[in-house]
């Protein structure tokens, strides 16, 4: 499996960490099983990308897309949370 690197908003780069996704979507209201499945779906997507680095914004958009499929209310909470971080 390739190493996925993430370009963050501040310009720093870190390794992709699916557990961060699982933690955030669980906080938005998903069950433990749902958060693990969603994190795996996003990880699979990240692995399928051609570029060496993906941006945090690309990940955010993918998480939101996956959340909408599972729980629209949690997707709304996630979107609100993301706006508070700007």
Protein backbone atom coordinates (compact mmCIF):
# COMPACT_ATOMS: atom_id res chain seq x y z
CA UNK A 1 0.00 0.00 0.00
CA UNK A 2 1.31 3.44 -0.88
CA UNK A 3 1.96 6.09 1.74
CA UNK A 4 -0.62 8.87 1.45
CA UNK A 5 0.61 12.34 2.29
CA UNK A 6 -1.70 15.23 3.17
CA UNK A 7 -1.05 18.89 2.41
CA UNK A 8 -2.54 20.87 5.29
CA UNK A 9 -3.92 24.42 5.23
CA UNK A 10 -0.76 25.85 6.80
CA UNK A 11 1.42 24.28 4.10
CA UNK A 12 2.79 21.49 6.28
CA UNK A 13 2.63 17.88 5.14
CA UNK A 14 1.73 14.86 7.25
CA UNK A 15 0.90 11.23 6.68
CA UNK A 16 -2.79 10.40 6.13
CA UNK A 17 -4.39 9.24 9.39
CA UNK A 18 -7.78 7.49 9.00
CA UNK A 19 -8.25 7.48 12.77
CA UNK A 20 -8.61 11.28 12.67
CA UNK A 21 -11.51 10.90 10.25
CA UNK A 22 -13.13 8.23 12.41
CA UNK A 23 -12.82 10.44 15.51
CA UNK A 24 -14.36 13.50 13.84
CA UNK A 25 -17.30 11.70 12.25
CA UNK A 26 -18.02 9.87 15.50
CA UNK A 27 -18.16 13.27 17.21
CA UNK A 28 -20.66 14.32 14.52
CA UNK A 29 -22.96 11.49 15.57
CA UNK A 30 -21.97 8.30 13.77
CA UNK A 31 -21.75 4.97 15.55
CA UNK A 32 -18.38 3.29 16.02
CA UNK A 33 -19.15 0.87 13.19
CA UNK A 34 -20.24 3.71 10.88
CA UNK A 35 -17.17 5.81 11.67
CA UNK A 36 -14.82 2.93 10.87
CA UNK A 37 -16.63 2.16 7.62
CA UNK A 38 -16.61 5.80 6.56
CA UNK A 39 -12.91 6.18 7.43
CA UNK A 40 -12.16 3.06 5.37
CA UNK A 41 -14.16 4.41 2.42
CA UNK A 42 -12.19 7.67 2.53
CA UNK A 43 -8.92 5.73 2.87
CA UNK A 44 -9.81 3.63 -0.18
CA UNK A 45 -10.58 6.82 -2.10
CA UNK A 46 -7.27 8.40 -1.00
CA UNK A 47 -5.37 5.30 -2.12
CA UNK A 48 -7.01 5.52 -5.53
CA UNK A 49 -5.78 9.07 -6.16
CA UNK A 50 -2.99 9.48 -8.70
CA UNK A 51 -1.18 12.42 -7.10
CA UNK A 52 1.42 11.92 -4.38
CA UNK A 53 -0.23 14.42 -2.03
CA UNK A 54 -3.86 15.16 -1.39
CA UNK A 55 -5.07 18.31 0.28
CA UNK A 56 -6.98 18.52 3.51
CA UNK A 57 -9.77 20.22 1.53
CA UNK A 58 -10.04 17.23 -0.82
CA UNK A 59 -10.31 14.95 2.20
CA UNK A 60 -12.91 17.21 3.82
CA UNK A 61 -15.02 17.19 0.67
CA UNK A 62 -14.82 13.39 0.44
CA UNK A 63 -15.72 12.97 4.12
CA UNK A 64 -18.73 15.25 3.63
CA UNK A 65 -19.82 13.29 0.56
CA UNK A 66 -19.56 9.99 2.46
CA UNK A 67 -21.35 11.46 5.51
CA UNK A 68 -24.30 12.56 3.37
CA UNK A 69 -24.77 8.93 2.30
CA UNK A 70 -24.85 7.69 5.89
CA UNK A 71 -26.37 10.46 7.99
CA UNK A 72 -27.51 13.82 6.64
CA UNK A 73 -27.76 15.33 10.12
CA UNK A 74 -24.17 14.33 10.95
CA UNK A 75 -23.10 15.79 7.59
CA UNK A 76 -24.66 19.11 8.62
CA UNK A 77 -22.83 19.03 11.96
CA UNK A 78 -19.56 18.25 10.22
CA UNK A 79 -20.06 21.12 7.78
CA UNK A 80 -20.84 23.51 10.65
CA UNK A 81 -17.76 22.32 12.57
CA UNK A 82 -15.53 22.87 9.55
CA UNK A 83 -16.79 26.44 9.20
CA UNK A 84 -15.89 27.18 12.83
CA UNK A 85 -12.27 26.15 12.16
CA UNK A 86 -11.69 28.82 9.48
